[in-house]
Amino acid sequence: MDESGGLSGRPWRRLDPGAGGFTVIELVAVMALLGLLSTMGLIIGRNVAQAAKTSSTVTQIAYIQKALVNMATHCEGLPVSSSAGDPGLVTRSTRNRTCWQGPYIPRWPATTSF
């Protein structure tokens, strides 16, 4: 510190009541506005992510539906499967050994968690 009381060699100044600056109310208002905007951004971001997942799921369902129609056309019926997973669209099942002309889809879609 120097003799004038400042670290940089400049003397201390007193703030005049009429000098420019922000009041506490203005600072609080700006902080509230920033909080509101960031909250809205998070909500919109979450909605966009949910819409993307929904769109991806709808696309996968349409893709599987087309594959099932192709398989039903070749095998004169829909595949019968009691377990979750590939009902014979990716790999040949034991029921459709003679009519199967697949694979109807390259791989079974990954599960999506919502």
PDB file of N, CA and C in Angstrom:
ATOM      1  N   MET A   1       0.841  -1.169   0.000  1.00  0.00           N
ATOM      2  CA  MET A   1       0.000   0.000   0.000  1.00  0.00           C
ATOM      3  C   MET A   1       0.888   1.235   0.000  1.00  0.00           C
ATOM      4  N   ASP A   2       0.401   2.266  -0.601  1.00  0.00           N
ATOM      5  CA  ASP A   2       1.154   3.519  -0.601  1.00  0.00           C
ATOM      6  C   ASP A   2       0.549   4.501   0.398  1.00  0.00           C
ATOM      7  N   GLU A   3       1.118   5.667   0.444  1.00  0.00           N
ATOM      8  CA  GLU A   3       0.697   6.662   1.433  1.00  0.00           C
ATOM      9  C   GLU A   3      -0.701   7.193   1.206  1.00  0.00           C
ATOM     10  N   SER A   4      -1.150   7.140  -0.015  1.00  0.00           N
ATOM     11  CA  SER A   4      -2.480   7.700  -0.296  1.00  0.00           C
ATOM     12  C   SER A   4      -3.600   6.740   0.077  1.00  0.00           C
ATOM     13  N   GLY A   5      -3.258   5.506   0.456  1.00  0.00           N
ATOM     14  CA  GLY A   5      -4.276   4.568   0.892  1.00  0.00           C
ATOM     15  C   GLY A   5      -4.721   3.605  -0.192  1.00  0.00           C
ATOM     16  N   GLY A   6      -4.239   3.750  -1.398  1.00  0.00           N
ATOM     17  CA  GLY A   6      -4.651   2.857  -2.478  1.00  0.00           C
ATOM     18  C   GLY A   6      -3.558   1.870  -2.825  1.00  0.00           C
ATOM     19  N   LEU A   7      -3.909   0.795  -3.458  1.00  0.00           N
ATOM     20  CA  LEU A   7      -2.940  -0.207  -3.854  1.00  0.00           C
ATOM     21  C   LEU A   7      -2.238   0.178  -5.151  1.00  0.00           C
ATOM     22  N   SER A   8      -2.889   0.923  -5.989  1.00  0.00           N
ATOM     23  CA  SER A   8      -2.334   1.230  -7.296  1.00  0.00           C
ATOM     24  C   SER A   8      -1.726   2.612  -7.376  1.00  0.00           C
ATOM     25  N   GLY A   9      -1.621   3.296  -6.297  1.00  0.00           N
ATOM     26  CA  GLY A   9      -1.050   4.621  -6.304  1.00  0.00           C
ATOM     27  C   GLY A   9      -2.075   5.714  -6.499  1.00  0.00           C
ATOM     28  N   ARG A  10      -3.328   5.356  -6.650  1.00  0.00           N
ATOM     29  CA  ARG A  10      -4.377   6.370  -6.786  1.00  0.00           C
ATOM     30  C   ARG A  10      -4.980   6.631  -5.422  1.00  0.00           C
ATOM     31  N   PRO A  11      -5.311   7.843  -5.132  1.00  0.00           N
ATOM     32  CA  PRO A  11      -5.911   8.126  -3.817  1.00  0.00           C
ATOM     33  C   PRO A  11      -7.337   7.587  -3.731  1.00  0.00           C
ATOM     34  N   TRP A  12      -7.780   7.339  -2.516  1.00  0.00           N
ATOM     35  CA  TRP A  12      -9.145   6.878  -2.274  1.00  0.00           C
ATOM     36  C   TRP A  12     -10.112   7.989  -2.647  1.00  0.00           C
ATOM     37  N   ARG A  13     -11.243   7.601  -3.203  1.00  0.00           N
ATOM     38  CA  ARG A  13     -12.273   8.590  -3.497  1.00  0.00           C
ATOM     39  C   ARG A  13     -13.517   8.200  -2.735  1.00  0.00           C
ATOM     40  N   ARG A  14     -14.241   9.188  -2.343  1.00  0.00           N
ATOM     41  CA  ARG A  14     -15.540   8.935  -1.726  1.00  0.00           C
ATOM     42  C   ARG A  14     -16.594   8.947  -2.815  1.00  0.00           C
ATOM     43  N   LEU A  15     -17.552   8.079  -2.681  1.00  0.00           N
ATOM     44  CA  LEU A  15     -18.645   8.055  -3.651  1.00  0.00           C
ATOM     45  C   LEU A  15     -19.667   9.113  -3.269  1.00  0.00           C
ATOM     46  N   ASP A  16     -20.022   9.885  -4.239  1.00  0.00           N
ATOM     47  CA  ASP A  16     -21.066  10.879  -4.014  1.00  0.00           C
ATOM     48  C   ASP A  16     -22.415  10.186  -4.101  1.00  0.00           C
ATOM     49  N   PRO A  17     -23.373  10.607  -3.305  1.00  0.00           N
ATOM     50  CA  PRO A  17     -24.702  10.011  -3.393  1.00  0.00           C
ATOM     51  C   PRO A  17     -25.302  10.165  -4.782  1.00  0.00           C
ATOM     52  N   GLY A  18     -24.939  11.191  -5.512  1.00  0.00           N
ATOM     53  CA  GLY A  18     -25.495  11.388  -6.850  1.00  0.00           C
ATOM     54  C   GLY A  18     -24.659  10.743  -7.939  1.00  0.00           C
ATOM     55  N   ALA A  19     -23.539  10.074  -7.552  1.00  0.00           N
ATOM     56  CA  ALA A  19     -22.660   9.467  -8.555  1.00  0.00           C
ATOM     57  C   ALA A  19     -23.329   8.249  -9.176  1.00  0.00           C
ATOM     58  N   GLY A  20     -22.896   7.910 -10.395  1.00  0.00           N
ATOM     59  CA  GLY A  20     -23.476   6.765 -11.105  1.00  0.00           C
ATOM     60  C   GLY A  20     -23.175   5.456 -10.393  1.00  0.00           C
ATOM     61  N   GLY A  21     -24.019   4.513 -10.559  1.00  0.00           N
ATOM     62  CA  GLY A  21     -23.871   3.202  -9.943  1.00  0.00           C
ATOM     63  C   GLY A  21     -25.223   2.512  -9.925  1.00  0.00           C
ATOM     64  N   PHE A  22     -25.213   1.290  -9.435  1.00  0.00           N
ATOM     65  CA  PHE A  22     -26.450   0.527  -9.383  1.00  0.00           C
ATOM     66  C   PHE A  22     -26.945   0.463  -7.952  1.00  0.00           C
ATOM     67  N   THR A  23     -28.245   0.512  -7.802  1.00  0.00           N
ATOM     68  CA  THR A  23     -28.829   0.365  -6.463  1.00  0.00           C
ATOM     69  C   THR A  23     -29.031  -1.117  -6.192  1.00  0.00           C
ATOM     70  N   VAL A  24     -29.260  -1.444  -4.961  1.00  0.00           N
ATOM     71  CA  VAL A  24     -29.489  -2.832  -4.569  1.00  0.00           C
ATOM     72  C   VAL A  24     -30.735  -3.374  -5.263  1.00  0.00           C
ATOM     73  N   ILE A  25     -31.749  -2.558  -5.385  1.00  0.00           N
ATOM     74  CA  ILE A  25     -32.992  -2.987  -6.036  1.00  0.00           C
ATOM     75  C   ILE A  25     -32.732  -3.336  -7.504  1.00  0.00           C
ATOM     76  N   GLU A  26     -31.912  -2.540  -8.173  1.00  0.00           N
ATOM     77  CA  GLU A  26     -31.595  -2.834  -9.569  1.00  0.00           C
ATOM     78  C   GLU A  26     -30.808  -4.134  -9.689  1.00  0.00           C
ATOM     79  N   LEU A  27     -29.865  -4.350  -8.803  1.00  0.00           N
ATOM     80  CA  LEU A  27     -29.090  -5.590  -8.827  1.00  0.00           C
ATOM     81  C   LEU A  27     -29.971  -6.807  -8.561  1.00  0.00           C
ATOM     82  N   VAL A  28     -30.878  -6.697  -7.602  1.00  0.00           N
ATOM     83  CA  VAL A  28     -31.795  -7.798  -7.300  1.00  0.00           C
ATOM     84  C   VAL A  28     -32.712  -8.071  -8.491  1.00  0.00           C
ATOM     85  N   ALA A  29     -33.179  -7.009  -9.140  1.00  0.00           N
ATOM     86  CA  ALA A  29     -34.051  -7.189 -10.310  1.00  0.00           C
ATOM     87  C   ALA A  29     -33.308  -7.903 -11.438  1.00  0.00           C
ATOM     88  N   VAL A  30     -32.065  -7.538 -11.671  1.00  0.00           N
ATOM     89  CA  VAL A  30     -31.276  -8.191 -12.721  1.00  0.00           C
ATOM     90  C   VAL A  30     -31.022  -9.650 -12.358  1.00  0.00           C
ATOM     91  N   MET A  31     -30.692  -9.931 -11.113  1.00  0.00           N
ATOM     92  CA  MET A  31     -30.472 -11.315 -10.682  1.00  0.00           C
ATOM     93  C   MET A  31     -31.744 -12.143 -10.836  1.00  0.00           C
ATOM     94  N   ALA A  32     -32.890 -11.579 -10.485  1.00  0.00           N
ATOM     95  CA  ALA A  32     -34.161 -12.292 -10.636  1.00  0.00           C
ATOM     96  C   ALA A  32     -34.442 -12.572 -12.109  1.00  0.00           C
ATOM     97  N   LEU A  33     -34.178 -11.603 -12.966  1.00  0.00           N
ATOM     98  CA  LEU A  33     -34.396 -11.779 -14.400  1.00  0.00           C
ATOM     99  C   LEU A  33     -33.480 -12.859 -14.960  1.00  0.00           C
ATOM    100  N   LEU A  34     -32.218 -12.867 -14.547  1.00  0.00           N
ATOM    101  CA  LEU A  34     -31.297 -13.916 -14.990  1.00  0.00           C
ATOM    102  C   LEU A  34     -31.741 -15.295 -14.503  1.00  0.00           C
ATOM    103  N   GLY A  35     -32.211 -15.377 -13.276  1.00  0.00           N
ATOM    104  CA  GLY A  35     -32.721 -16.641 -12.755  1.00  0.00           C
ATOM    105  C   GLY A  35     -33.925 -17.132 -13.536  1.00  0.00           C
ATOM    106  N   LEU A  36     -34.826 -16.215 -13.861  1.00  0.00           N
ATOM    107  CA  LEU A  36     -36.013 -16.579 -14.638  1.00  0.00           C
ATOM    108  C   LEU A  36     -35.631 -17.064 -16.032  1.00  0.00           C
ATOM    109  N   LEU A  37     -34.728 -16.356 -16.674  1.00  0.00           N
ATOM    110  CA  LEU A  37     -34.295 -16.751 -18.023  1.00  0.00           C
ATOM    111  C   LEU A  37     -33.579 -18.097 -18.024  1.00  0.00           C
ATOM    112  N   SER A  38     -32.742 -18.338 -17.037  1.00  0.00           N
ATOM    113  CA  SER A  38     -32.046 -19.623 -16.988  1.00  0.00           C
ATOM    114  C   SER A  38     -33.019 -20.767 -16.701  1.00  0.00           C
ATOM    115  N   THR A  39     -34.015 -20.542 -15.873  1.00  0.00           N
ATOM    116  CA  THR A  39     -35.030 -21.561 -15.613  1.00  0.00           C
ATOM    117  C   THR A  39     -35.823 -21.870 -16.875  1.00  0.00           C
ATOM    118  N   MET A  40     -36.192 -20.830 -17.602  1.00  0.00           N
ATOM    119  CA  MET A  40     -36.918 -21.046 -18.858  1.00  0.00           C
ATOM    120  C   MET A  40     -36.053 -21.815 -19.853  1.00  0.00           C
ATOM    121  N   GLY A  41     -34.768 -21.516 -19.899  1.00  0.00           N
ATOM    122  CA  GLY A  41     -33.860 -22.230 -20.791  1.00  0.00           C
ATOM    123  C   GLY A  41     -33.766 -23.701 -20.453  1.00  0.00           C
ATOM    124  N   LEU A  42     -33.711 -24.017 -19.160  1.00  0.00           N
ATOM    125  CA  LEU A  42     -33.662 -25.417 -18.742  1.00  0.00           C
ATOM    126  C   LEU A  42     -34.941 -26.158 -19.106  1.00  0.00           C
ATOM    127  N   ILE A  43     -36.081 -25.515 -18.910  1.00  0.00           N
ATOM    128  CA  ILE A  43     -37.363 -26.146 -19.238  1.00  0.00           C
ATOM    129  C   ILE A  43     -37.471 -26.389 -20.741  1.00  0.00           C
ATOM    130  N   ILE A  44     -37.097 -25.395 -21.526  1.00  0.00           N
ATOM    131  CA  ILE A  44     -37.160 -25.547 -22.983  1.00  0.00           C
ATOM    132  C   ILE A  44     -36.194 -26.636 -23.445  1.00  0.00           C
ATOM    133  N   GLY A  45     -34.991 -26.664 -22.861  1.00  0.00           N
ATOM    134  CA  GLY A  45     -34.017 -27.694 -23.215  1.00  0.00           C
ATOM    135  C   GLY A  45     -34.517 -29.091 -22.902  1.00  0.00           C
ATOM    136  N   ARG A  46     -35.184 -29.246 -21.763  1.00  0.00           N
ATOM    137  CA  ARG A  46     -35.741 -30.549 -21.400  1.00  0.00           C
ATOM    138  C   ARG A  46     -36.848 -30.954 -22.377  1.00  0.00           C
ATOM    139  N   ASN A  47     -37.689 -29.992 -22.770  1.00  0.00           N
ATOM    140  CA  ASN A  47     -38.759 -30.299 -23.720  1.00  0.00           C
ATOM    141  C   ASN A  47     -38.210 -30.685 -25.083  1.00  0.00           C
ATOM    142  N   VAL A  48     -37.140 -30.025 -25.514  1.00  0.00           N
ATOM    143  CA  VAL A  48     -36.527 -30.358 -26.802  1.00  0.00           C
ATOM    144  C   VAL A  48     -35.941 -31.766 -26.753  1.00  0.00           C
ATOM    145  N   ALA A  49     -35.285 -32.115 -25.659  1.00  0.00           N
ATOM    146  CA  ALA A  49     -34.714 -33.457 -25.517  1.00  0.00           C
ATOM    147  C   ALA A  49     -35.815 -34.510 -25.523  1.00  0.00           C
ATOM    148  N   GLN A  50     -36.917 -34.251 -24.844  1.00  0.00           N
ATOM    149  CA  GLN A  50     -38.037 -35.197 -24.821  1.00  0.00           C
ATOM    150  C   GLN A  50     -38.644 -35.349 -26.210  1.00  0.00           C
ATOM    151  N   ALA A  51     -38.772 -34.247 -26.947  1.00  0.00           N
ATOM    152  CA  ALA A  51     -39.323 -34.309 -28.301  1.00  0.00           C
ATOM    153  C   ALA A  51     -38.405 -35.112 -29.216  1.00  0.00           C
ATOM    154  N   ALA A  52     -37.102 -34.998 -29.040  1.00  0.00           N
ATOM    155  CA  ALA A  52     -36.157 -35.753 -29.853  1.00  0.00           C
ATOM    156  C   ALA A  52     -36.264 -37.248 -29.565  1.00  0.00           C
ATOM    157  N   LYS A  53     -36.401 -37.616 -28.287  1.00  0.00           N
ATOM    158  CA  LYS A  53     -36.575 -39.028 -27.935  1.00  0.00           C
ATOM    159  C   LYS A  53     -37.874 -39.584 -28.514  1.00  0.00           C
ATOM    160  N   THR A  54     -38.937 -38.799 -28.421  1.00  0.00           N
ATOM    161  CA  THR A  54     -40.230 -39.238 -28.957  1.00  0.00           C
ATOM    162  C   THR A  54     -40.151 -39.423 -30.465  1.00  0.00           C
ATOM    163  N   SER A  55     -39.527 -38.493 -31.144  1.00  0.00           N
ATOM    164  CA  SER A  55     -39.379 -38.588 -32.599  1.00  0.00           C
ATOM    165  C   SER A  55     -38.562 -39.815 -32.984  1.00  0.00           C
ATOM    166  N   SER A  56     -37.499 -40.088 -32.252  1.00  0.00           N
ATOM    167  CA  SER A  56     -36.673 -41.265 -32.527  1.00  0.00           C
ATOM    168  C   SER A  56     -37.469 -42.548 -32.321  1.00  0.00           C
ATOM    169  N   THR A  57     -38.260 -42.590 -31.282  1.00  0.00           N
ATOM    170  CA  THR A  57     -39.075 -43.782 -31.011  1.00  0.00           C
ATOM    171  C   THR A  57     -40.117 -43.993 -32.095  1.00  0.00           C
ATOM    172  N   VAL A  58     -40.762 -42.930 -32.534  1.00  0.00           N
ATOM    173  CA  VAL A  58     -41.769 -43.037 -33.598  1.00  0.00           C
ATOM    174  C   VAL A  58     -41.117 -43.533 -34.886  1.00  0.00           C
ATOM    175  N   THR A  59     -39.919 -43.045 -35.193  1.00  0.00           N
ATOM    176  CA  THR A  59     -39.202 -43.484 -36.387  1.00  0.00           C
ATOM    177  C   THR A  59     -38.859 -44.964 -36.295  1.00  0.00           C
ATOM    178  N   GLN A  60     -38.389 -45.413 -35.131  1.00  0.00           N
ATOM    179  CA  GLN A  60     -38.058 -46.828 -34.952  1.00  0.00           C
ATOM    180  C   GLN A  60     -39.298 -47.713 -35.086  1.00  0.00           C
ATOM    181  N   ILE A  61     -40.412 -47.273 -34.546  1.00  0.00           N
ATOM    182  CA  ILE A  61     -41.647 -48.059 -34.649  1.00  0.00           C
ATOM    183  C   ILE A  61     -42.088 -48.171 -36.105  1.00  0.00           C
ATOM    184  N   ALA A  62     -42.000 -47.088 -36.858  1.00  0.00           N
ATOM    185  CA  ALA A  62     -42.368 -47.128 -38.278  1.00  0.00           C
ATOM    186  C   ALA A  62     -41.437 -48.058 -39.048  1.00  0.00           C
ATOM    187  N   TYR A  63     -40.152 -48.051 -38.688  1.00  0.00           N
ATOM    188  CA  TYR A  63     -39.166 -48.914 -39.337  1.00  0.00           C
ATOM    189  C   TYR A  63     -39.478 -50.386 -39.064  1.00  0.00           C
ATOM    190  N   ILE A  64     -39.804 -50.713 -37.820  1.00  0.00           N
ATOM    191  CA  ILE A  64     -40.155 -52.085 -37.454  1.00  0.00           C
ATOM    192  C   ILE A  64     -41.466 -52.495 -38.117  1.00  0.00           C
ATOM    193  N   GLN A  65     -42.412 -51.563 -38.209  1.00  0.00           N
ATOM    194  CA  GLN A  65     -43.691 -51.860 -38.853  1.00  0.00           C
ATOM    195  C   GLN A  65     -43.474 -52.242 -40.321  1.00  0.00           C
ATOM    196  N   LYS A  66     -42.639 -51.499 -41.034  1.00  0.00           N
ATOM    197  CA  LYS A  66     -42.362 -51.829 -42.437  1.00  0.00           C
ATOM    198  C   LYS A  66     -41.682 -53.189 -42.561  1.00  0.00           C
ATOM    199  N   ALA A  67     -40.773 -53.492 -41.639  1.00  0.00           N
ATOM    200  CA  ALA A  67     -40.097 -54.780 -41.655  1.00  0.00           C
ATOM    201  C   ALA A  67     -41.088 -55.915 -41.402  1.00  0.00           C
ATOM    202  N   LEU A  68     -42.020 -55.696 -40.475  1.00  0.00           N
ATOM    203  CA  LEU A  68     -43.035 -56.721 -40.196  1.00  0.00           C
ATOM    204  C   LEU A  68     -43.951 -56.954 -41.399  1.00  0.00           C
ATOM    205  N   VAL A  69     -44.292 -55.877 -42.090  1.00  0.00           N
ATOM    206  CA  VAL A  69     -45.129 -56.024 -43.288  1.00  0.00           C
ATOM    207  C   VAL A  69     -44.380 -56.830 -44.351  1.00  0.00           C
ATOM    208  N   ASN A  70     -43.098 -56.539 -44.545  1.00  0.00           N
ATOM    209  CA  ASN A  70     -42.311 -57.311 -45.518  1.00  0.00           C
ATOM    210  C   ASN A  70     -42.223 -58.775 -45.123  1.00  0.00           C
ATOM    211  N   MET A  71     -41.981 -59.034 -43.861  1.00  0.00           N
ATOM    212  CA  MET A  71     -41.880 -60.419 -43.403  1.00  0.00           C
ATOM    213  C   MET A  71     -43.226 -61.130 -43.520  1.00  0.00           C
ATOM    214  N   ALA A  72     -44.311 -60.430 -43.162  1.00  0.00           N
ATOM    215  CA  ALA A  72     -45.641 -61.033 -43.273  1.00  0.00           C
ATOM    216  C   ALA A  72     -45.975 -61.351 -44.730  1.00  0.00           C
ATOM    217  N   THR A  73     -45.512 -60.521 -45.649  1.00  0.00           N
ATOM    218  CA  THR A  73     -45.740 -60.783 -47.073  1.00  0.00           C
ATOM    219  C   THR A  73     -44.989 -62.030 -47.524  1.00  0.00           C
ATOM    220  N   HIS A  74     -43.730 -62.176 -47.098  1.00  0.00           N
ATOM    221  CA  HIS A  74     -42.927 -63.328 -47.502  1.00  0.00           C
ATOM    222  C   HIS A  74     -43.379 -64.614 -46.829  1.00  0.00           C
ATOM    223  N   CYS A  75     -43.753 -64.542 -45.563  1.00  0.00           N
ATOM    224  CA  CYS A  75     -44.045 -65.749 -44.782  1.00  0.00           C
ATOM    225  C   CYS A  75     -45.538 -65.991 -44.580  1.00  0.00           C
ATOM    226  N   GLU A  76     -46.363 -65.189 -45.194  1.00  0.00           N
ATOM    227  CA  GLU A  76     -47.821 -65.327 -45.101  1.00  0.00           C
ATOM    228  C   GLU A  76     -48.308 -65.324 -43.657  1.00  0.00           C
ATOM    229  N   GLY A  77     -47.776 -64.439 -42.859  1.00  0.00           N
ATOM    230  CA  GLY A  77     -48.200 -64.310 -41.469  1.00  0.00           C
ATOM    231  C   GLY A  77     -47.162 -63.556 -40.664  1.00  0.00           C
ATOM    232  N   LEU A  78     -47.593 -63.096 -39.521  1.00  0.00           N
ATOM    233  CA  LEU A  78     -46.694 -62.358 -38.645  1.00  0.00           C
ATOM    234  C   LEU A  78     -45.881 -63.311 -37.784  1.00  0.00           C
ATOM    235  N   PRO A  79     -44.706 -62.892 -37.340  1.00  0.00           N
ATOM    236  CA  PRO A  79     -43.898 -63.768 -36.492  1.00  0.00           C
ATOM    237  C   PRO A  79     -44.542 -63.961 -35.127  1.00  0.00           C
ATOM    238  N   VAL A  80     -44.319 -65.125 -34.559  1.00  0.00           N
ATOM    239  CA  VAL A  80     -44.824 -65.431 -33.231  1.00  0.00           C
ATOM    240  C   VAL A  80     -43.623 -65.463 -32.296  1.00  0.00           C
ATOM    241  N   SER A  81     -43.674 -64.648 -31.268  1.00  0.00           N
ATOM    242  CA  SER A  81     -42.579 -64.598 -30.313  1.00  0.00           C
ATOM    243  C   SER A  81     -43.149 -64.321 -28.939  1.00  0.00           C
ATOM    244  N   SER A  82     -42.721 -65.122 -27.961  1.00  0.00           N
ATOM    245  CA  SER A  82     -43.212 -64.910 -26.606  1.00  0.00           C
ATOM    246  C   SER A  82     -42.202 -64.150 -25.752  1.00  0.00           C
ATOM    247  N   SER A  83     -41.013 -63.898 -26.282  1.00  0.00           N
ATOM    248  CA  SER A  83     -40.003 -63.186 -25.500  1.00  0.00           C
ATOM    249  C   SER A  83     -39.759 -61.809 -26.089  1.00  0.00           C
ATOM    250  N   ALA A  84     -39.230 -60.934 -25.275  1.00  0.00           N
ATOM    251  CA  ALA A  84     -38.897 -59.594 -25.748  1.00  0.00           C
ATOM    252  C   ALA A  84     -37.669 -59.672 -26.645  1.00  0.00           C
ATOM    253  N   GLY A  85     -37.580 -58.766 -27.575  1.00  0.00           N
ATOM    254  CA  GLY A  85     -36.427 -58.737 -28.468  1.00  0.00           C
ATOM    255  C   GLY A  85     -36.829 -59.080 -29.888  1.00  0.00           C
ATOM    256  N   ASP A  86     -35.872 -59.545 -30.644  1.00  0.00           N
ATOM    257  CA  ASP A  86     -36.048 -59.810 -32.065  1.00  0.00           C
ATOM    258  C   ASP A  86     -37.034 -60.958 -32.308  1.00  0.00           C
ATOM    259  N   PRO A  87     -38.160 -60.694 -32.990  1.00  0.00           N
ATOM    260  CA  PRO A  87     -39.118 -61.759 -33.291  1.00  0.00           C
ATOM    261  C   PRO A  87     -38.825 -62.467 -34.616  1.00  0.00           C
ATOM    262  N   GLY A  88     -37.642 -62.302 -35.150  1.00  0.00           N
ATOM    263  CA  GLY A  88     -37.289 -62.933 -36.412  1.00  0.00           C
ATOM    264  C   GLY A  88     -37.025 -61.939 -37.528  1.00  0.00           C
ATOM    265  N   LEU A  89     -36.877 -60.677 -37.191  1.00  0.00           N
ATOM    266  CA  LEU A  89     -36.619 -59.664 -38.215  1.00  0.00           C
ATOM    267  C   LEU A  89     -35.135 -59.531 -38.531  1.00  0.00           C
ATOM    268  N   VAL A  90     -34.267 -59.829 -37.571  1.00  0.00           N
ATOM    269  CA  VAL A  90     -32.825 -59.719 -37.776  1.00  0.00           C
ATOM    270  C   VAL A  90     -32.222 -61.087 -38.064  1.00  0.00           C
ATOM    271  N   THR A  91     -32.604 -62.081 -37.283  1.00  0.00           N
ATOM    272  CA  THR A  91     -32.101 -63.443 -37.475  1.00  0.00           C
ATOM    273  C   THR A  91     -33.260 -64.376 -37.793  1.00  0.00           C
ATOM    274  N   ARG A  92     -32.967 -65.435 -38.492  1.00  0.00           N
ATOM    275  CA  ARG A  92     -33.999 -66.390 -38.891  1.00  0.00           C
ATOM    276  C   ARG A  92     -34.501 -67.145 -37.665  1.00  0.00           C
ATOM    277  N   SER A  93     -35.802 -67.175 -37.498  1.00  0.00           N
ATOM    278  CA  SER A  93     -36.381 -67.922 -36.376  1.00  0.00           C
ATOM    279  C   SER A  93     -36.667 -69.350 -36.830  1.00  0.00           C
ATOM    280  N   THR A  94     -36.908 -70.228 -35.886  1.00  0.00           N
ATOM    281  CA  THR A  94     -37.165 -71.639 -36.222  1.00  0.00           C
ATOM    282  C   THR A  94     -38.491 -71.808 -36.955  1.00  0.00           C
ATOM    283  N   ARG A  95     -39.449 -70.928 -36.715  1.00  0.00           N
ATOM    284  CA  ARG A  95     -40.771 -71.041 -37.350  1.00  0.00           C
ATOM    285  C   ARG A  95     -40.724 -70.657 -38.823  1.00  0.00           C
ATOM    286  N   ASN A  96     -39.890 -69.701 -39.183  1.00  0.00           N
ATOM    287  CA  ASN A  96     -39.904 -69.167 -40.539  1.00  0.00           C
ATOM    288  C   ASN A  96     -38.670 -69.584 -41.341  1.00  0.00           C
ATOM    289  N   ARG A  97     -38.230 -70.810 -41.212  1.00  0.00           N
ATOM    290  CA  ARG A  97     -37.002 -71.233 -41.880  1.00  0.00           C
ATOM    291  C   ARG A  97     -37.142 -71.248 -43.406  1.00  0.00           C
ATOM    292  N   THR A  98     -38.274 -71.607 -43.956  1.00  0.00           N
ATOM    293  CA  THR A  98     -38.385 -71.769 -45.406  1.00  0.00           C
ATOM    294  C   THR A  98     -38.731 -70.474 -46.131  1.00  0.00           C
ATOM    295  N   CYS A  99     -39.479 -69.611 -45.514  1.00  0.00           N
ATOM    296  CA  CYS A  99     -39.931 -68.407 -46.206  1.00  0.00           C
ATOM    297  C   CYS A  99     -39.109 -67.171 -45.878  1.00  0.00           C
ATOM    298  N   TRP A 100     -38.252 -67.247 -44.902  1.00  0.00           N
ATOM    299  CA  TRP A 100     -37.519 -66.080 -44.410  1.00  0.00           C
ATOM    300  C   TRP A 100     -36.558 -65.579 -45.476  1.00  0.00           C
ATOM    301  N   GLN A 101     -36.651 -64.291 -45.825  1.00  0.00           N
ATOM    302  CA  GLN A 101     -35.773 -63.688 -46.823  1.00  0.00           C
ATOM    303  C   GLN A 101     -35.025 -62.485 -46.246  1.00  0.00           C
ATOM    304  N   GLY A 102     -34.815 -62.517 -44.957  1.00  0.00           N
ATOM    305  CA  GLY A 102     -34.217 -61.385 -44.256  1.00  0.00           C
ATOM    306  C   GLY A 102     -32.715 -61.363 -44.319  1.00  0.00           C
ATOM    307  N   PRO A 103     -32.106 -60.549 -43.526  1.00  0.00           N
ATOM    308  CA  PRO A 103     -32.701 -59.795 -42.435  1.00  0.00           C
ATOM    309  C   PRO A 103     -33.538 -58.621 -42.950  1.00  0.00           C
ATOM    310  N   TYR A 104     -34.624 -58.384 -42.269  1.00  0.00           N
ATOM    311  CA  TYR A 104     -35.543 -57.318 -42.657  1.00  0.00           C
ATOM    312  C   TYR A 104     -35.119 -55.977 -42.063  1.00  0.00           C
ATOM    313  N   ILE A 105     -34.391 -56.029 -40.969  1.00  0.00           N
ATOM    314  CA  ILE A 105     -33.740 -54.836 -40.423  1.00  0.00           C
ATOM    315  C   ILE A 105     -32.314 -55.249 -40.065  1.00  0.00           C
ATOM    316  N   PRO A 106     -31.341 -54.317 -40.165  1.00  0.00           N
ATOM    317  CA  PRO A 106     -29.952 -54.694 -39.922  1.00  0.00           C
ATOM    318  C   PRO A 106     -29.654 -55.083 -38.469  1.00  0.00           C
ATOM    319  N   ARG A 107     -30.315 -54.452 -37.520  1.00  0.00           N
ATOM    320  CA  ARG A 107     -30.119 -54.776 -36.108  1.00  0.00           C
ATOM    321  C   ARG A 107     -31.374 -54.386 -35.347  1.00  0.00           C
ATOM    322  N   TRP A 108     -31.569 -55.052 -34.222  1.00  0.00           N
ATOM    323  CA  TRP A 108     -32.720 -54.749 -33.381  1.00  0.00           C
ATOM    324  C   TRP A 108     -32.450 -53.425 -32.676  1.00  0.00           C
ATOM    325  N   PRO A 109     -33.429 -52.504 -32.640  1.00  0.00           N
ATOM    326  CA  PRO A 109     -33.195 -51.190 -32.014  1.00  0.00           C
ATOM    327  C   PRO A 109     -32.846 -51.309 -30.539  1.00  0.00           C
ATOM    328  N   ALA A 110     -31.981 -50.407 -30.098  1.00  0.00           N
ATOM    329  CA  ALA A 110     -31.608 -50.361 -28.681  1.00  0.00           C
ATOM    330  C   ALA A 110     -32.788 -49.843 -27.873  1.00  0.00           C
ATOM    331  N   THR A 111     -32.850 -50.253 -26.650  1.00  0.00           N
ATOM    332  CA  THR A 111     -33.939 -49.774 -25.792  1.00  0.00           C
ATOM    333  C   THR A 111     -33.694 -48.323 -25.428  1.00  0.00           C
ATOM    334  N   THR A 112     -34.755 -47.574 -25.324  1.00  0.00           N
ATOM    335  CA  THR A 112     -34.681 -46.168 -24.953  1.00  0.00           C
ATOM    336  C   THR A 112     -35.418 -45.994 -23.646  1.00  0.00           C
ATOM    337  N   SER A 113     -34.761 -45.366 -22.686  1.00  0.00           N
ATOM    338  CA  SER A 113     -35.420 -45.137 -21.403  1.00  0.00           C
ATOM    339  C   SER A 113     -35.945 -43.714 -21.358  1.00  0.00           C
ATOM    340  N   PHE A 114     -37.149 -43.571 -20.878  1.00  0.00           N
ATOM    341  CA  PHE A 114     -37.754 -42.241 -20.756  1.00  0.00           C
ATOM    342  C   PHE A 114     -37.841 -41.865 -19.318  1.00  0.00           C
TER     343      PHE A 114
END
